[in-house]
PDB file of all heavy atoms in Angstrom:
ATOM      1  N   THR A   1      48.858 131.824 108.826  1.00  0.00           N
ATOM      2  CA  THR A   1      49.637 130.563 108.923  1.00  0.00           C
ATOM      3  C   THR A   1      50.490 130.589 110.145  1.00  0.00           C
ATOM      4  O   THR A   1      51.005 129.502 110.601  1.00  0.00           O
ATOM      5  CB  THR A   1      50.624 130.433 107.697  1.00  0.00           C
ATOM      6  OG1 THR A   1      51.504 131.600 107.681  1.00  0.00           O
ATOM      7  CG2 THR A   1      49.817 130.352 106.405  1.00  0.00           C
ATOM      8  N   ASN A   2      50.713 131.711 110.725  1.00  0.00           N
ATOM      9  CA  ASN A   2      51.528 131.907 111.940  1.00  0.00           C
ATOM     10  C   ASN A   2      53.047 131.600 111.646  1.00  0.00           C
ATOM     11  O   ASN A   2      53.797 131.269 112.548  1.00  0.00           O
ATOM     12  CB  ASN A   2      51.064 131.024 113.081  1.00  0.00           C
ATOM     13  CG  ASN A   2      49.739 131.593 113.702  1.00  0.00           C
ATOM     14  OD1 ASN A   2      49.584 132.840 113.758  1.00  0.00           O
ATOM     15  ND2 ASN A   2      48.821 130.730 114.038  1.00  0.00           N
ATOM     16  N   VAL A   3      53.444 131.660 110.420  1.00  0.00           N
ATOM     17  CA  VAL A   3      54.860 131.648 110.034  1.00  0.00           C
ATOM     18  C   VAL A   3      55.283 133.025 109.751  1.00  0.00           C
ATOM     19  O   VAL A   3      54.960 133.630 108.730  1.00  0.00           O
ATOM     20  CB  VAL A   3      55.104 130.735 108.828  1.00  0.00           C
ATOM     21  CG1 VAL A   3      56.564 130.732 108.418  1.00  0.00           C
ATOM     22  CG2 VAL A   3      54.657 129.330 109.128  1.00  0.00           C
ATOM     23  N   LEU A   4      56.095 133.637 110.692  1.00  0.00           N
ATOM     24  CA  LEU A   4      56.581 134.977 110.424  1.00  0.00           C
ATOM     25  C   LEU A   4      57.759 134.937 109.516  1.00  0.00           C
ATOM     26  O   LEU A   4      58.689 134.172 109.733  1.00  0.00           O
ATOM     27  CB  LEU A   4      56.994 135.595 111.783  1.00  0.00           C
ATOM     28  CG  LEU A   4      55.939 135.600 112.920  1.00  0.00           C
ATOM     29  CD1 LEU A   4      56.396 136.432 114.122  1.00  0.00           C
ATOM     30  CD2 LEU A   4      54.569 136.135 112.435  1.00  0.00           C
ATOM     31  N   SER A   5      57.683 135.760 108.505  1.00  0.00           N
ATOM     32  CA  SER A   5      58.742 135.724 107.445  1.00  0.00           C
ATOM     33  C   SER A   5      58.961 137.092 106.893  1.00  0.00           C
ATOM     34  O   SER A   5      58.201 138.027 107.107  1.00  0.00           O
ATOM     35  CB  SER A   5      58.306 134.770 106.356  1.00  0.00           C
ATOM     36  OG  SER A   5      57.367 135.358 105.489  1.00  0.00           O
ATOM     37  N   LEU A   6      60.058 137.241 106.107  1.00  0.00           N
ATOM     38  CA  LEU A   6      60.364 138.482 105.481  1.00  0.00           C
ATOM     39  C   LEU A   6      59.417 138.830 104.309  1.00  0.00           C
ATOM     40  O   LEU A   6      59.539 139.909 103.701  1.00  0.00           O
ATOM     41  CB  LEU A   6      61.783 138.501 105.026  1.00  0.00           C
ATOM     42  CG  LEU A   6      62.860 138.572 106.079  1.00  0.00           C
ATOM     43  CD1 LEU A   6      64.301 138.793 105.481  1.00  0.00           C
ATOM     44  CD2 LEU A   6      62.614 139.684 107.075  1.00  0.00           C
ATOM     45  N   ALA A   7      58.456 137.974 104.026  1.00  0.00           N
ATOM     46  CA  ALA A   7      57.434 138.385 103.108  1.00  0.00           C
ATOM     47  C   ALA A   7      56.677 139.589 103.619  1.00  0.00           C
ATOM     48  O   ALA A   7      56.065 140.345 102.802  1.00  0.00           O
ATOM     49  CB  ALA A   7      56.440 137.189 102.887  1.00  0.00           C
ATOM     50  N   THR A   8      56.722 139.835 104.866  1.00  0.00           N
ATOM     51  CA  THR A   8      56.052 140.983 105.480  1.00  0.00           C
ATOM     52  C   THR A   8      56.580 142.291 105.022  1.00  0.00           C
ATOM     53  O   THR A   8      55.899 143.340 105.086  1.00  0.00           O
ATOM     54  CB  THR A   8      56.196 140.896 107.026  1.00  0.00           C
ATOM     55  OG1 THR A   8      55.307 141.819 107.603  1.00  0.00           O
ATOM     56  CG2 THR A   8      57.613 141.239 107.482  1.00  0.00           C
ATOM     57  N   VAL A   9      57.784 142.329 104.435  1.00  0.00           N
ATOM     58  CA  VAL A   9      58.372 143.611 103.997  1.00  0.00           C
ATOM     59  C   VAL A   9      57.860 144.070 102.636  1.00  0.00           C
ATOM     60  O   VAL A   9      58.029 145.257 102.225  1.00  0.00           O
ATOM     61  CB  VAL A   9      59.880 143.617 103.976  1.00  0.00           C
ATOM     62  CG1 VAL A   9      60.389 143.343 105.428  1.00  0.00           C
ATOM     63  CG2 VAL A   9      60.483 142.600 103.009  1.00  0.00           C
ATOM     64  N   TYR A  10      57.305 143.154 101.838  1.00  0.00           N
ATOM     65  CA  TYR A  10      56.797 143.565 100.520  1.00  0.00           C
ATOM     66  C   TYR A  10      55.773 144.649 100.560  1.00  0.00           C
ATOM     67  O   TYR A  10      55.804 145.578  99.807  1.00  0.00           O
ATOM     68  CB  TYR A  10      56.262 142.374  99.763  1.00  0.00           C
ATOM     69  CG  TYR A  10      57.340 141.518  99.100  1.00  0.00           C
ATOM     70  CD1 TYR A  10      58.200 140.657  99.788  1.00  0.00           C
ATOM     71  CD2 TYR A  10      57.529 141.561  97.700  1.00  0.00           C
ATOM     72  CE1 TYR A  10      59.203 139.902  99.160  1.00  0.00           C
ATOM     73  CE2 TYR A  10      58.452 140.764  97.065  1.00  0.00           C
ATOM     74  CZ  TYR A  10      59.266 139.904  97.774  1.00  0.00           C
ATOM     75  OH  TYR A  10      60.247 139.189  97.190  1.00  0.00           O
ATOM     76  N   PRO A  11      54.760 144.589 101.455  1.00  0.00           N
ATOM     77  CA  PRO A  11      53.787 145.718 101.502  1.00  0.00           C
ATOM     78  C   PRO A  11      54.457 147.055 101.867  1.00  0.00           C
ATOM     79  O   PRO A  11      53.932 148.088 101.485  1.00  0.00           O
ATOM     80  CB  PRO A  11      52.793 145.215 102.605  1.00  0.00           C
ATOM     81  CG  PRO A  11      52.884 143.701 102.528  1.00  0.00           C
ATOM     82  CD  PRO A  11      54.278 143.428 102.311  1.00  0.00           C
ATOM     83  N   LEU A  12      55.513 146.974 102.619  1.00  0.00           N
ATOM     84  CA  LEU A  12      56.282 148.240 102.889  1.00  0.00           C
ATOM     85  C   LEU A  12      56.905 148.754 101.610  1.00  0.00           C
ATOM     86  O   LEU A  12      56.809 149.945 101.230  1.00  0.00           O
ATOM     87  CB  LEU A  12      57.332 147.998 103.965  1.00  0.00           C
ATOM     88  CG  LEU A  12      56.983 148.301 105.399  1.00  0.00           C
ATOM     89  CD1 LEU A  12      55.903 147.265 105.878  1.00  0.00           C
ATOM     90  CD2 LEU A  12      58.197 148.144 106.311  1.00  0.00           C
ATOM     91  N   TYR A  13      57.607 147.900 100.920  1.00  0.00           N
ATOM     92  CA  TYR A  13      58.363 148.305  99.706  1.00  0.00           C
ATOM     93  C   TYR A  13      57.323 148.929  98.694  1.00  0.00           C
ATOM     94  O   TYR A  13      57.705 149.879  98.014  1.00  0.00           O
ATOM     95  CB  TYR A  13      59.087 147.105  99.066  1.00  0.00           C
ATOM     96  CG  TYR A  13      59.777 147.437  97.812  1.00  0.00           C
ATOM     97  CD1 TYR A  13      60.885 148.281  97.823  1.00  0.00           C
ATOM     98  CD2 TYR A  13      59.327 146.925  96.626  1.00  0.00           C
ATOM     99  CE1 TYR A  13      61.547 148.556  96.598  1.00  0.00           C
ATOM    100  CE2 TYR A  13      59.949 147.268  95.435  1.00  0.00           C
ATOM    101  CZ  TYR A  13      61.045 148.120  95.427  1.00  0.00           C
ATOM    102  OH  TYR A  13      61.681 148.428  94.219  1.00  0.00           O
ATOM    103  N   PHE A  14      56.129 148.308  98.571  1.00  0.00           N
ATOM    104  CA  PHE A  14      55.231 148.768  97.568  1.00  0.00           C
ATOM    105  C   PHE A  14      54.181 149.820  98.099  1.00  0.00           C
ATOM    106  O   PHE A  14      53.265 150.194  97.451  1.00  0.00           O
ATOM    107  CB  PHE A  14      54.437 147.625  96.962  1.00  0.00           C
ATOM    108  CG  PHE A  14      55.377 146.799  96.065  1.00  0.00           C
ATOM    109  CD1 PHE A  14      55.645 145.467  96.445  1.00  0.00           C
ATOM    110  CD2 PHE A  14      55.818 147.256  94.875  1.00  0.00           C
ATOM    111  CE1 PHE A  14      56.467 144.662  95.630  1.00  0.00           C
ATOM    112  CE2 PHE A  14      56.637 146.499  94.039  1.00  0.00           C
ATOM    113  CZ  PHE A  14      56.999 145.174  94.389  1.00  0.00           C
ATOM    114  N   GLY A  15      54.406 150.312  99.320  1.00  0.00           N
ATOM    115  CA  GLY A  15      53.604 151.404  99.890  1.00  0.00           C
ATOM    116  C   GLY A  15      52.188 150.968 100.260  1.00  0.00           C
ATOM    117  O   GLY A  15      51.282 151.852 100.239  1.00  0.00           O
ATOM    118  N   LEU A  16      51.991 149.734 100.703  1.00  0.00           N
ATOM    119  CA  LEU A  16      50.621 149.301 101.026  1.00  0.00           C
ATOM    120  C   LEU A  16      50.339 149.507 102.550  1.00  0.00           C
ATOM    121  O   LEU A  16      49.118 149.388 102.914  1.00  0.00           O
ATOM    122  CB  LEU A  16      50.489 147.807 100.755  1.00  0.00           C
ATOM    123  CG  LEU A  16      50.375 147.434  99.260  1.00  0.00           C
ATOM    124  CD1 LEU A  16      50.883 146.034  98.992  1.00  0.00           C
ATOM    125  CD2 LEU A  16      48.892 147.634  98.821  1.00  0.00           C
ATOM    126  N   ALA A  17      51.328 149.734 103.316  1.00  0.00           N
ATOM    127  CA  ALA A  17      51.142 149.816 104.819  1.00  0.00           C
ATOM    128  C   ALA A  17      50.918 151.308 105.229  1.00  0.00           C
ATOM    129  O   ALA A  17      51.310 152.233 104.559  1.00  0.00           O
ATOM    130  CB  ALA A  17      52.392 149.255 105.448  1.00  0.00           C
ATOM    131  N   SER A  18      50.260 151.399 106.346  1.00  0.00           N
ATOM    132  CA  SER A  18      50.160 152.732 107.011  1.00  0.00           C
ATOM    133  C   SER A  18      51.510 152.961 107.792  1.00  0.00           C
ATOM    134  O   SER A  18      52.280 152.053 107.983  1.00  0.00           O
ATOM    135  CB  SER A  18      48.974 152.745 107.945  1.00  0.00           C
ATOM    136  OG  SER A  18      49.279 151.825 109.078  1.00  0.00           O
ATOM    137  N   GLN A  19      51.672 154.148 108.198  1.00  0.00           N
ATOM    138  CA  GLN A  19      52.871 154.431 108.971  1.00  0.00           C
ATOM    139  C   GLN A  19      52.888 153.595 110.293  1.00  0.00           C
ATOM    140  O   GLN A  19      53.920 153.110 110.738  1.00  0.00           O
ATOM    141  CB  GLN A  19      52.988 155.921 109.300  1.00  0.00           C
ATOM    142  CG  GLN A  19      54.302 156.334 110.006  1.00  0.00           C
ATOM    143  CD  GLN A  19      55.510 156.084 109.102  1.00  0.00           C
ATOM    144  OE1 GLN A  19      55.537 156.478 107.973  1.00  0.00           O
ATOM    145  NE2 GLN A  19      56.538 155.380 109.694  1.00  0.00           N
ATOM    146  N   GLU A  20      51.734 153.485 110.920  1.00  0.00           N
ATOM    147  CA  GLU A  20      51.619 152.705 112.139  1.00  0.00           C
ATOM    148  C   GLU A  20      52.011 151.249 111.918  1.00  0.00           C
ATOM    149  O   GLU A  20      52.688 150.591 112.693  1.00  0.00           O
ATOM    150  CB  GLU A  20      50.220 152.829 112.731  1.00  0.00           C
ATOM    151  CG  GLU A  20      50.042 152.065 114.017  1.00  0.00           C
ATOM    152  CD  GLU A  20      48.627 152.161 114.552  1.00  0.00           C
ATOM    153  OE1 GLU A  20      47.764 152.779 113.904  1.00  0.00           O
ATOM    154  OE2 GLU A  20      48.312 151.605 115.656  1.00  0.00           O
ATOM    155  N   GLN A  21      51.572 150.689 110.763  1.00  0.00           N
ATOM    156  CA  GLN A  21      51.905 149.343 110.462  1.00  0.00           C
ATOM    157  C   GLN A  21      53.410 149.196 110.205  1.00  0.00           C
ATOM    158  O   GLN A  21      53.999 148.223 110.669  1.00  0.00           O
ATOM    159  CB  GLN A  21      51.089 148.844 109.221  1.00  0.00           C
ATOM    160  CG  GLN A  21      49.651 148.573 109.499  1.00  0.00           C
ATOM    161  CD  GLN A  21      48.869 148.372 108.160  1.00  0.00           C
ATOM    162  OE1 GLN A  21      49.059 149.030 107.152  1.00  0.00           O
ATOM    163  NE2 GLN A  21      47.975 147.394 108.216  1.00  0.00           N
ATOM    164  N   ALA A  22      53.949 150.149 109.452  1.00  0.00           N
ATOM    165  CA  ALA A  22      55.354 150.109 109.208  1.00  0.00           C
ATOM    166  C   ALA A  22      56.177 150.198 110.486  1.00  0.00           C
ATOM    167  O   ALA A  22      57.230 149.515 110.642  1.00  0.00           O
ATOM    168  CB  ALA A  22      55.728 151.261 108.256  1.00  0.00           C
ATOM    169  N   ASP A  23      55.756 151.001 111.434  1.00  0.00           N
ATOM    170  CA  ASP A  23      56.456 151.178 112.717  1.00  0.00           C
ATOM    171  C   ASP A  23      56.439 149.811 113.451  1.00  0.00           C
ATOM    172  O   ASP A  23      57.461 149.432 113.991  1.00  0.00           O
ATOM    173  CB  ASP A  23      55.718 152.223 113.582  1.00  0.00           C
ATOM    174  CG  ASP A  23      55.821 153.638 113.059  1.00  0.00           C
ATOM    175  OD1 ASP A  23      56.724 153.866 112.182  1.00  0.00           O
ATOM    176  OD2 ASP A  23      55.021 154.484 113.521  1.00  0.00           O
ATOM    177  N   SER A  24      55.284 149.097 113.419  1.00  0.00           N
ATOM    178  CA  SER A  24      55.237 147.828 114.064  1.00  0.00           C
ATOM    179  C   SER A  24      56.130 146.769 113.423  1.00  0.00           C
ATOM    180  O   SER A  24      56.863 146.014 114.090  1.00  0.00           O
ATOM    181  CB  SER A  24      53.774 147.291 114.049  1.00  0.00           C
ATOM    182  OG  SER A  24      52.917 148.163 114.706  1.00  0.00           O
ATOM    183  N   ILE A  25      56.135 146.748 112.087  1.00  0.00           N
ATOM    184  CA  ILE A  25      56.990 145.815 111.358  1.00  0.00           C
ATOM    185  C   ILE A  25      58.455 146.067 111.688  1.00  0.00           C
ATOM    186  O   ILE A  25      59.219 145.132 111.894  1.00  0.00           O
ATOM    187  CB  ILE A  25      56.655 145.861 109.831  1.00  0.00           C
ATOM    188  CG1 ILE A  25      55.281 145.314 109.547  1.00  0.00           C
ATOM    189  CG2 ILE A  25      57.745 145.071 109.081  1.00  0.00           C
ATOM    190  CD1 ILE A  25      54.826 145.534 108.158  1.00  0.00           C
ATOM    191  N   ALA A  26      58.802 147.306 111.676  1.00  0.00           N
ATOM    192  CA  ALA A  26      60.185 147.649 111.978  1.00  0.00           C
ATOM    193  C   ALA A  26      60.615 147.144 113.316  1.00  0.00           C
ATOM    194  O   ALA A  26      61.736 146.646 113.517  1.00  0.00           O
ATOM    195  CB  ALA A  26      60.416 149.182 111.895  1.00  0.00           C
ATOM    196  N   GLU A  27      59.755 147.308 114.354  1.00  0.00           N
ATOM    197  CA  GLU A  27      60.050 146.805 115.681  1.00  0.00           C
ATOM    198  C   GLU A  27      60.246 145.286 115.651  1.00  0.00           C
ATOM    199  O   GLU A  27      61.194 144.738 116.289  1.00  0.00           O
ATOM    200  CB  GLU A  27      58.916 147.182 116.649  1.00  0.00           C
ATOM    201  CG  GLU A  27      58.806 148.591 116.977  1.00  0.00           C
ATOM    202  CD  GLU A  27      57.661 148.917 117.870  1.00  0.00           C
ATOM    203  OE1 GLU A  27      57.144 147.936 118.535  1.00  0.00           O
ATOM    204  OE2 GLU A  27      57.226 150.095 118.007  1.00  0.00           O
ATOM    205  N   ILE A  28      59.326 144.516 114.957  1.00  0.00           N
ATOM    206  CA  ILE A  28      59.454 143.093 114.932  1.00  0.00           C
ATOM    207  C   ILE A  28      60.727 142.687 114.207  1.00  0.00           C
ATOM    208  O   ILE A  28      61.449 141.746 114.605  1.00  0.00           O
ATOM    209  CB  ILE A  28      58.190 142.525 114.231  1.00  0.00           C
ATOM    210  CG1 ILE A  28      56.931 142.837 114.934  1.00  0.00           C
ATOM    211  CG2 ILE A  28      58.358 140.981 114.035  1.00  0.00           C
ATOM    212  CD1 ILE A  28      56.804 142.287 116.350  1.00  0.00           C
ATOM    213  N   LEU A  29      61.060 143.314 113.095  1.00  0.00           N
ATOM    214  CA  LEU A  29      62.288 143.005 112.420  1.00  0.00           C
ATOM    215  C   LEU A  29      63.496 143.192 113.253  1.00  0.00           C
ATOM    216  O   LEU A  29      64.427 142.317 113.341  1.00  0.00           O
ATOM    217  CB  LEU A  29      62.528 143.903 111.147  1.00  0.00           C
ATOM    218  CG  LEU A  29      61.449 143.673 109.999  1.00  0.00           C
ATOM    219  CD1 LEU A  29      61.701 144.666 108.842  1.00  0.00           C
ATOM    220  CD2 LEU A  29      61.527 142.252 109.462  1.00  0.00           C
ATOM    221  N   GLN A  30      63.511 144.263 114.061  1.00  0.00           N
ATOM    222  CA  GLN A  30      64.680 144.538 114.927  1.00  0.00           C
ATOM    223  C   GLN A  30      64.721 143.565 116.096  1.00  0.00           C
ATOM    224  O   GLN A  30      65.800 143.037 116.437  1.00  0.00           O
ATOM    225  CB  GLN A  30      64.622 145.961 115.479  1.00  0.00           C
ATOM    226  CG  GLN A  30      65.858 146.359 116.302  1.00  0.00           C
ATOM    227  CD  GLN A  30      66.177 147.809 116.170  1.00  0.00           C
ATOM    228  OE1 GLN A  30      65.380 148.576 115.600  1.00  0.00           O
ATOM    229  NE2 GLN A  30      67.353 148.211 116.640  1.00  0.00           N
ATOM    230  N   GLU A  31      63.555 143.215 116.636  1.00  0.00           N
ATOM    231  CA  GLU A  31      63.557 142.328 117.824  1.00  0.00           C
ATOM    232  C   GLU A  31      63.754 140.808 117.418  1.00  0.00           C
ATOM    233  O   GLU A  31      64.433 140.100 118.157  1.00  0.00           O
ATOM    234  CB  GLU A  31      62.186 142.454 118.526  1.00  0.00           C
ATOM    235  CG  GLU A  31      61.968 143.793 119.158  1.00  0.00           C
ATOM    236  CD  GLU A  31      60.536 143.909 119.723  1.00  0.00           C
ATOM    237  OE1 GLU A  31      59.747 142.891 119.663  1.00  0.00           O
ATOM    238  OE2 GLU A  31      60.182 145.005 120.138  1.00  0.00           O
ATOM    239  N   LYS A  32      63.226 140.390 116.283  1.00  0.00           N
ATOM    240  CA  LYS A  32      63.180 138.964 116.044  1.00  0.00           C
ATOM    241  C   LYS A  32      64.034 138.541 114.840  1.00  0.00           C
ATOM    242  O   LYS A  32      64.569 137.393 114.836  1.00  0.00           O
ATOM    243  CB  LYS A  32      61.759 138.536 115.791  1.00  0.00           C
ATOM    244  CG  LYS A  32      60.817 138.714 116.963  1.00  0.00           C
ATOM    245  CD  LYS A  32      59.385 138.195 116.676  1.00  0.00           C
ATOM    246  CE  LYS A  32      58.467 138.389 117.832  1.00  0.00           C
ATOM    247  NZ  LYS A  32      58.822 137.552 119.018  1.00  0.00           N
ATOM    248  N   PHE A  33      64.181 139.353 113.815  1.00  0.00           N
ATOM    249  CA  PHE A  33      64.859 138.940 112.591  1.00  0.00           C
ATOM    250  C   PHE A  33      66.275 139.433 112.436  1.00  0.00           C
ATOM    251  O   PHE A  33      67.040 138.802 111.718  1.00  0.00           O
ATOM    252  CB  PHE A  33      64.038 139.452 111.360  1.00  0.00           C
ATOM    253  CG  PHE A  33      62.708 138.739 111.174  1.00  0.00           C
ATOM    254  CD1 PHE A  33      61.544 139.107 111.865  1.00  0.00           C
ATOM    255  CD2 PHE A  33      62.630 137.688 110.213  1.00  0.00           C
ATOM    256  CE1 PHE A  33      60.393 138.436 111.664  1.00  0.00           C
ATOM    257  CE2 PHE A  33      61.441 137.037 110.077  1.00  0.00           C
ATOM    258  CZ  PHE A  33      60.309 137.392 110.728  1.00  0.00           C
ATOM    259  N   LEU A  34      66.620 140.578 113.089  1.00  0.00           N
ATOM    260  CA  LEU A  34      67.938 141.119 112.859  1.00  0.00           C
ATOM    261  C   LEU A  34      69.026 140.253 113.547  1.00  0.00           C
ATOM    262  O   LEU A  34      68.904 139.863 114.736  1.00  0.00           O
ATOM    263  CB  LEU A  34      67.995 142.537 113.475  1.00  0.00           C
ATOM    264  CG  LEU A  34      69.293 143.297 113.250  1.00  0.00           C
ATOM    265  CD1 LEU A  34      69.486 143.476 111.746  1.00  0.00           C
ATOM    266  CD2 LEU A  34      69.232 144.665 113.989  1.00  0.00           C
ATOM    267  N   SER A  35      69.961 139.942 112.762  1.00  0.00           N
ATOM    268  CA  SER A  35      71.112 139.040 113.233  1.00  0.00           C
ATOM    269  C   SER A  35      72.408 139.710 112.860  1.00  0.00           C
ATOM    270  O   SER A  35      72.439 140.766 112.180  1.00  0.00           O
ATOM    271  CB  SER A  35      70.975 137.692 112.493  1.00  0.00           C
ATOM    272  OG  SER A  35      69.709 137.100 112.780  1.00  0.00           O
ATOM    273  N   PRO A  36      73.544 139.160 113.268  1.00  0.00           N
ATOM    274  CA  PRO A  36      74.842 139.778 112.990  1.00  0.00           C
ATOM    275  C   PRO A  36      75.122 140.053 111.525  1.00  0.00           C
ATOM    276  O   PRO A  36      75.901 140.948 111.209  1.00  0.00           O
ATOM    277  CB  PRO A  36      75.869 138.767 113.606  1.00  0.00           C
ATOM    278  CG  PRO A  36      75.067 138.141 114.704  1.00  0.00           C
ATOM    279  CD  PRO A  36      73.671 138.030 114.210  1.00  0.00           C
ATOM    280  N   GLY A  37      74.548 139.225 110.629  1.00  0.00           N
ATOM    281  CA  GLY A  37      74.805 139.398 109.249  1.00  0.00           C
ATOM    282  C   GLY A  37      73.705 139.979 108.386  1.00  0.00           C
ATOM    283  O   GLY A  37      73.811 140.052 107.144  1.00  0.00           O
ATOM    284  N   GLY A  38      72.646 140.365 109.061  1.00  0.00           N
ATOM    285  CA  GLY A  38      71.453 140.883 108.355  1.00  0.00           C
ATOM    286  C   GLY A  38      70.166 140.277 108.863  1.00  0.00           C
ATOM    287  O   GLY A  38      70.088 139.977 110.102  1.00  0.00           O
ATOM    288  N   LEU A  39      69.202 140.137 108.010  1.00  0.00           N
ATOM    289  CA  LEU A  39      67.875 139.580 108.472  1.00  0.00           C
ATOM    290  C   LEU A  39      67.759 138.130 108.038  1.00  0.00           C
ATOM    291  O   LEU A  39      68.001 137.692 106.950  1.00  0.00           O
ATOM    292  CB  LEU A  39      66.741 140.368 107.796  1.00  0.00           C
ATOM    293  CG  LEU A  39      66.675 141.867 108.076  1.00  0.00           C
ATOM    294  CD1 LEU A  39      65.609 142.515 107.240  1.00  0.00           C
ATOM    295  CD2 LEU A  39      66.360 142.137 109.582  1.00  0.00           C
TER     296      LEU A  39
END
């Protein structure tokens, strides 16, 4: 859909991602989603 959203973190929480995938998601969260009050 090309809508980037925090739905992306559910596979991390339930252990569906590889470490490499988790590393990538963490980078995107920090670069694009992280704001002064949270995500």
